[in-house]
C-alpha atoms as a PDB file:
ATOM      1  CA  MET A   1     -14.212   2.001 -11.167  1.00  0.00           C
ATOM      2  CA  PHE A   2     -10.746   2.248 -12.855  1.00  0.00           C
ATOM      3  CA  THR A   3     -10.378   4.898 -15.309  1.00  0.00           C
ATOM      4  CA  SER A   4      -7.509   3.240 -17.139  1.00  0.00           C
ATOM      5  CA  PRO A   5      -6.220  -0.204 -17.096  1.00  0.00           C
ATOM      6  CA  THR A   6      -2.730  -1.172 -16.068  1.00  0.00           C
ATOM      7  CA  MET A   7      -0.731  -4.064 -17.385  1.00  0.00           C
ATOM      8  CA  TYR A   8       1.249  -6.071 -14.975  1.00  0.00           C
ATOM      9  CA  HIS A   9       5.073  -5.329 -15.376  1.00  0.00           C
ATOM     10  CA  PRO A  10       7.565  -7.224 -13.317  1.00  0.00           C
ATOM     11  CA  HIS A  11       9.368  -4.122 -12.589  1.00  0.00           C
ATOM     12  CA  ARG A  12       6.438  -1.599 -12.267  1.00  0.00           C
ATOM     13  CA  ASP A  13       7.779  -0.469  -9.030  1.00  0.00           C
ATOM     14  CA  THR A  14      11.195  -0.005  -9.830  1.00  0.00           C
ATOM     15  CA  CYS A  15      10.997   3.665  -8.973  1.00  0.00           C
ATOM     16  CA  MET A  16      10.385   2.658  -5.267  1.00  0.00           C
ATOM     17  CA  ASP A  17      14.095   2.109  -4.206  1.00  0.00           C
ATOM     18  CA  LYS A  18      14.414   0.301  -0.943  1.00  0.00           C
ATOM     19  CA  ALA A  19      16.175   3.516   0.521  1.00  0.00           C
ATOM     20  CA  VAL A  20      12.682   5.113   0.306  1.00  0.00           C
ATOM     21  CA  TYR A  21      11.250   2.348   2.585  1.00  0.00           C
ATOM     22  CA  ARG A  22      14.274   2.801   5.030  1.00  0.00           C
ATOM     23  CA  ARG A  23      12.871   6.407   5.493  1.00  0.00           C
ATOM     24  CA  ILE A  24       9.107   5.498   5.607  1.00  0.00           C
ATOM     25  CA  LEU A  25       9.380   2.373   7.819  1.00  0.00           C
ATOM     26  CA  PRO A  26      10.213   4.502  11.073  1.00  0.00           C
ATOM     27  CA  LEU A  27       7.038   6.670  10.454  1.00  0.00           C
ATOM     28  CA  LEU A  28       4.937   3.470  10.880  1.00  0.00           C
ATOM     29  CA  ASP A  29       6.178   3.504  14.383  1.00  0.00           C
ATOM     30  CA  VAL A  30       6.231  -0.392  14.707  1.00  0.00           C
ATOM     31  CA  SER A  31       7.930  -2.774  17.197  1.00  0.00           C
ATOM     32  CA  ASP A  32       9.506  -6.114  16.529  1.00  0.00           C
ATOM     33  CA  GLU A  33       7.476  -7.160  19.769  1.00  0.00           C
ATOM     34  CA  HIS A  34       4.213  -6.526  18.307  1.00  0.00           C
ATOM     35  CA  ASP A  35       2.499  -8.397  15.506  1.00  0.00           C
ATOM     36  CA  TYR A  36       0.605  -6.322  12.581  1.00  0.00           C
ATOM     37  CA  THR A  37      -1.692  -7.091   9.983  1.00  0.00           C
ATOM     38  CA  VAL A  38      -0.634  -5.278   6.764  1.00  0.00           C
ATOM     39  CA  LEU A  39      -2.391  -4.561   3.623  1.00  0.00           C
ATOM     40  CA  HIS A  40      -0.688  -3.640   0.378  1.00  0.00           C
ATOM     41  CA  LEU A  41      -3.209  -2.335  -2.121  1.00  0.00           C
ATOM     42  CA  GLU A  42      -2.130  -2.968  -5.734  1.00  0.00           C
ATOM     43  CA  CYS A  43       0.836  -5.122  -4.490  1.00  0.00           C
ATOM     44  CA  GLY A  44       2.088  -6.157  -8.024  1.00  0.00           C
ATOM     45  CA  ASP A  45       4.464  -9.013  -7.404  1.00  0.00           C
ATOM     46  CA  GLY A  46       4.701  -8.957  -3.644  1.00  0.00           C
ATOM     47  CA  ASP A  47       8.125  -7.554  -3.537  1.00  0.00           C
ATOM     48  CA  ASP A  48       7.304  -4.625  -1.512  1.00  0.00           C
ATOM     49  CA  LEU A  49       5.408  -6.731   0.956  1.00  0.00           C
ATOM     50  CA  LYS A  50       8.407  -9.124   1.096  1.00  0.00           C
ATOM     51  CA  TYR A  51      10.832  -6.250   1.892  1.00  0.00           C
ATOM     52  CA  MET A  52       8.485  -4.831   4.703  1.00  0.00           C
ATOM     53  CA  SER A  53       8.211  -8.111   6.242  1.00  0.00           C
ATOM     54  CA  THR A  54      11.803  -7.839   7.292  1.00  0.00           C
ATOM     55  CA  ALA A  55      11.155  -4.888   9.319  1.00  0.00           C
ATOM     56  CA  ILE A  56       7.690  -5.612  10.795  1.00  0.00           C
ATOM     57  CA  GLY A  57       7.092  -8.063  13.666  1.00  0.00           C
ATOM     58  CA  LYS A  58       8.144 -11.645  12.963  1.00  0.00           C
ATOM     59  CA  ASN A  59       4.555 -13.041  13.309  1.00  0.00           C
ATOM     60  CA  SER A  60       2.768 -10.254  11.291  1.00  0.00           C
ATOM     61  CA  SER A  61       0.546 -11.081   8.509  1.00  0.00           C
ATOM     62  CA  PHE A  62       0.748  -9.486   5.137  1.00  0.00           C
ATOM     63  CA  PHE A  63      -1.956  -9.134   2.666  1.00  0.00           C
ATOM     64  CA  GLY A  64      -1.691  -8.046  -1.052  1.00  0.00           C
ATOM     65  CA  VAL A  65      -4.369  -7.346  -3.413  1.00  0.00           C
ATOM     66  CA  ASP A  66      -3.874  -6.647  -6.906  1.00  0.00           C
ATOM     67  CA  ARG A  67      -6.405  -6.136  -9.978  1.00  0.00           C
ATOM     68  CA  SER A  68      -4.084  -8.164 -12.323  1.00  0.00           C
ATOM     69  CA  GLY A  69      -4.116 -11.926 -12.192  1.00  0.00           C
ATOM     70  CA  GLU A  70      -0.779 -11.930 -13.877  1.00  0.00           C
ATOM     71  CA  ALA A  71       0.667  -9.809 -11.168  1.00  0.00           C
ATOM     72  CA  ILE A  72      -0.276 -12.109  -8.530  1.00  0.00           C
ATOM     73  CA  GLU A  73       0.966 -15.114 -10.609  1.00  0.00           C
ATOM     74  CA  HIS A  74       4.407 -13.339 -10.571  1.00  0.00           C
ATOM     75  CA  VAL A  75       4.500 -13.434  -6.681  1.00  0.00           C
ATOM     76  CA  ASP A  76       7.900 -15.081  -5.629  1.00  0.00           C
ATOM     77  CA  PRO A  77       7.035 -18.606  -4.995  1.00  0.00           C
ATOM     78  CA  GLU A  78       9.074 -18.475  -1.667  1.00  0.00           C
ATOM     79  CA  VAL A  79       6.867 -15.803  -0.487  1.00  0.00           C
ATOM     80  CA  ALA A  80       3.464 -17.105  -2.074  1.00  0.00           C
ATOM     81  CA  HIS A  81       4.151 -20.221  -0.023  1.00  0.00           C
ATOM     82  CA  ASP A  82       5.079 -18.630   3.215  1.00  0.00           C
ATOM     83  CA  ALA A  83       1.986 -18.806   5.671  1.00  0.00           C
ATOM     84  CA  LYS A  84       2.391 -15.182   6.802  1.00  0.00           C
ATOM     85  CA  PHE A  85       1.657 -13.919   3.116  1.00  0.00           C
ATOM     86  CA  HIS A  86      -1.729 -13.912   1.314  1.00  0.00           C
ATOM     87  CA  PHE A  87      -2.364 -12.596  -2.197  1.00  0.00           C
ATOM     88  CA  LEU A  88      -5.600 -12.079  -3.867  1.00  0.00           C
ATOM     89  CA  GLN A  89      -6.697 -10.865  -7.318  1.00  0.00           C
ATOM     90  CA  TYR A  90      -9.474  -8.331  -6.725  1.00  0.00           C
ATOM     91  CA  ASP A  91     -10.613  -5.133  -8.156  1.00  0.00           C
ATOM     92  CA  ILE A  92     -10.456  -2.792  -5.188  1.00  0.00           C
ATOM     93  CA  ALA A  93     -12.435  -0.044  -7.041  1.00  0.00           C
ATOM     94  CA  LYS A  94     -15.318  -2.611  -6.097  1.00  0.00           C
ATOM     95  CA  GLY A  95     -14.424  -2.613  -2.388  1.00  0.00           C
ATOM     96  CA  ILE A  96     -11.694  -3.986  -0.433  1.00  0.00           C
ATOM     97  CA  PRO A  97     -12.609  -7.614   0.287  1.00  0.00           C
ATOM     98  CA  PHE A  98     -11.884  -7.824   4.059  1.00  0.00           C
ATOM     99  CA  ASP A  99     -13.506  -7.538   7.398  1.00  0.00           C
ATOM    100  CA  TYR A 100     -14.257  -4.308   9.267  1.00  0.00           C
ATOM    101  CA  ASP A 101     -11.255  -3.212  11.670  1.00  0.00           C
ATOM    102  CA  PHE A 102      -8.819  -5.767  10.037  1.00  0.00           C
ATOM    103  CA  PHE A 103      -5.660  -3.863   9.300  1.00  0.00           C
ATOM    104  CA  ASP A 104      -3.110  -2.275  11.516  1.00  0.00           C
ATOM    105  CA  ILE A 105      -1.014  -0.945   8.219  1.00  0.00           C
ATOM    106  CA  VAL A 106      -2.645   0.061   4.989  1.00  0.00           C
ATOM    107  CA  TYR A 107       0.013   0.725   2.249  1.00  0.00           C
ATOM    108  CA  GLY A 108      -0.161   1.459  -1.592  1.00  0.00           C
ATOM    109  CA  ASN A 109       1.831   3.222  -4.210  1.00  0.00           C
ATOM    110  CA  ASN A 110       0.883   5.019  -7.504  1.00  0.00           C
ATOM    111  CA  PHE A 111      -2.641   3.385  -8.010  1.00  0.00           C
ATOM    112  CA  LEU A 112      -4.963   6.351  -6.741  1.00  0.00           C
ATOM    113  CA  ALA A 113      -4.673   8.252  -9.858  1.00  0.00           C
ATOM    114  CA  SER A 114      -6.440   5.119 -11.684  1.00  0.00           C
ATOM    115  CA  ILE A 115      -9.432   5.060  -9.209  1.00  0.00           C
ATOM    116  CA  GLU A 116     -12.582   7.048 -10.474  1.00  0.00           C
ATOM    117  CA  ASP A 117     -14.315   7.235  -7.239  1.00  0.00           C
ATOM    118  CA  LYS A 118     -11.485   7.659  -4.792  1.00  0.00           C
ATOM    119  CA  ASP A 119     -13.976   8.902  -1.930  1.00  0.00           C
ATOM    120  CA  ALA A 120     -15.400   5.371  -1.999  1.00  0.00           C
ATOM    121  CA  LEU A 121     -12.030   3.749  -1.809  1.00  0.00           C
ATOM    122  CA  VAL A 122     -11.207   6.158   1.182  1.00  0.00           C
ATOM    123  CA  ARG A 123     -14.363   4.874   2.903  1.00  0.00           C
ATOM    124  CA  GLU A 124     -13.125   1.312   2.198  1.00  0.00           C
ATOM    125  CA  ILE A 125      -9.713   1.979   3.591  1.00  0.00           C
ATOM    126  CA  TYR A 126     -11.433   3.348   6.615  1.00  0.00           C
ATOM    127  CA  ARG A 127     -13.833   0.412   7.079  1.00  0.00           C
ATOM    128  CA  VAL A 128     -10.892  -2.147   7.017  1.00  0.00           C
ATOM    129  CA  SER A 129      -8.501  -0.444   8.948  1.00  0.00           C
ATOM    130  CA  LYS A 130      -8.272  -0.815  12.901  1.00  0.00           C
ATOM    131  CA  ASP A 131      -8.574   2.266  15.063  1.00  0.00           C
ATOM    132  CA  LYS A 132      -5.312   4.261  14.745  1.00  0.00           C
ATOM    133  CA  ALA A 133      -4.089   2.261  11.836  1.00  0.00           C
ATOM    134  CA  ARG A 134      -1.269   3.745   9.930  1.00  0.00           C
ATOM    135  CA  ILE A 135      -2.040   4.590   6.338  1.00  0.00           C
ATOM    136  CA  ILE A 136       0.811   5.248   3.884  1.00  0.00           C
ATOM    137  CA  LEU A 137       0.245   6.030   0.262  1.00  0.00           C
ATOM    138  CA  PHE A 138       2.700   7.052  -2.468  1.00  0.00           C
ATOM    139  CA  GLU A 139       1.532   8.814  -5.552  1.00  0.00           C
ATOM    140  CA  GLN A 140       3.436  10.833  -8.351  1.00  0.00           C
ATOM    141  CA  ASP A 141       0.330  13.188  -8.564  1.00  0.00           C
ATOM    142  CA  ARG A 142      -0.113  15.070  -5.254  1.00  0.00           C
ATOM    143  CA  ASP A 143      -4.033  15.578  -6.701  1.00  0.00           C
ATOM    144  CA  ALA A 144      -4.256  11.885  -6.499  1.00  0.00           C
ATOM    145  CA  LEU A 145      -4.172  12.214  -2.598  1.00  0.00           C
ATOM    146  CA  ALA A 146      -6.872  14.754  -2.326  1.00  0.00           C
ATOM    147  CA  ALA A 147      -9.635  12.336  -1.485  1.00  0.00           C
ATOM    148  CA  ILE A 148      -7.747  11.141   1.654  1.00  0.00           C
ATOM    149  CA  LEU A 149      -6.460  14.510   2.650  1.00  0.00           C
ATOM    150  CA  GLU A 150     -10.034  15.876   2.638  1.00  0.00           C
ATOM    151  CA  SER A 151     -11.539  13.012   4.193  1.00  0.00           C
ATOM    152  CA  GLN A 152     -12.808  13.338   7.953  1.00  0.00           C
ATOM    153  CA  PHE A 153     -11.588   9.679   8.610  1.00  0.00           C
ATOM    154  CA  PHE A 154      -7.781  10.189   8.713  1.00  0.00           C
ATOM    155  CA  VAL A 155      -5.389  12.655  10.073  1.00  0.00           C
ATOM    156  CA  GLY A 156      -1.920  12.926   8.275  1.00  0.00           C
ATOM    157  CA  PHE A 157       0.567  14.813   6.384  1.00  0.00           C
ATOM    158  CA  VAL A 158       2.133  14.707   2.808  1.00  0.00           C
ATOM    159  CA  TYR A 159       5.631  15.402   2.085  1.00  0.00           C
ATOM    160  CA  ALA A 160       7.472  15.448  -1.244  1.00  0.00           C
ATOM    161  CA  CYS A 161      10.134  12.777  -2.148  1.00  0.00           C
ATOM    162  CA  ALA A 162      12.468  13.763  -5.163  1.00  0.00           C
ATOM    163  CA  THR A 163      15.584  12.010  -5.889  1.00  0.00           C
ATOM    164  CA  HIS A 164      16.005  13.251  -9.470  1.00  0.00           C
ATOM    165  CA  GLU A 165      17.314   9.831 -10.568  1.00  0.00           C
ATOM    166  CA  PRO A 166      14.773   7.886 -12.623  1.00  0.00           C
ATOM    167  CA  THR A 167      15.920   4.455 -11.614  1.00  0.00           C
ATOM    168  CA  LYS A 168      16.528   5.162  -7.987  1.00  0.00           C
ATOM    169  CA  GLY A 169      14.652   6.429  -5.216  1.00  0.00           C
ATOM    170  CA  TYR A 170      11.039   7.908  -5.817  1.00  0.00           C
ATOM    171  CA  ASP A 171       9.887  11.302  -7.242  1.00  0.00           C
ATOM    172  CA  GLY A 172       6.467  12.060  -5.869  1.00  0.00           C
ATOM    173  CA  TYR A 173       4.298  12.476  -2.789  1.00  0.00           C
ATOM    174  CA  VAL A 174       3.753  10.298   0.324  1.00  0.00           C
ATOM    175  CA  TYR A 175       0.838  10.569   2.601  1.00  0.00           C
ATOM    176  CA  VAL A 176       1.437   9.273   6.067  1.00  0.00           C
ATOM    177  CA  GLY A 177      -1.598   9.206   8.388  1.00  0.00           C
ATOM    178  CA  ASN A 178      -3.776   7.520  11.112  1.00  0.00           C
ATOM    179  CA  LYS A 179      -7.374   6.293  11.255  1.00  0.00           C
ATOM    180  CA  LEU A 180      -9.104   8.565  13.612  1.00  0.00           C
END
């Protein structure tokens, strides 16, 4: 259950400068020769998925889930009509609405702090992730990452990002891990 509602804002992720993604994408260890299934939790308007699609396999599939219907309505029409993108309004605090072992990459930024039962969500991430799936989570509060760090389902590390520029880059913590 979410502890605080978030309203859709078309520039909600402006703190996620593309330079951050250029540093993170190599950690995914992806190849243009392989196709991946990517999940973005709390995807907003899908801009991050659109950017990731430029660096991850030509025939990969990209799924975005957001609790805000307004966010999904603001997905770029070019992206929304592209067959490799799929967007769904759903409250992930109730689960992740996909099959077991479905995703190669699970990604999210700045949403864990608003999830009341983080352990349940970590179990859901585990459930929908394929073996050795890559998990990348950005959070401004390191404590929000505690549930995944303490879980027995994933192995990974956290590093701090600090740009000290409020409109560029990202100030917070990044968890990068794999499903065991």
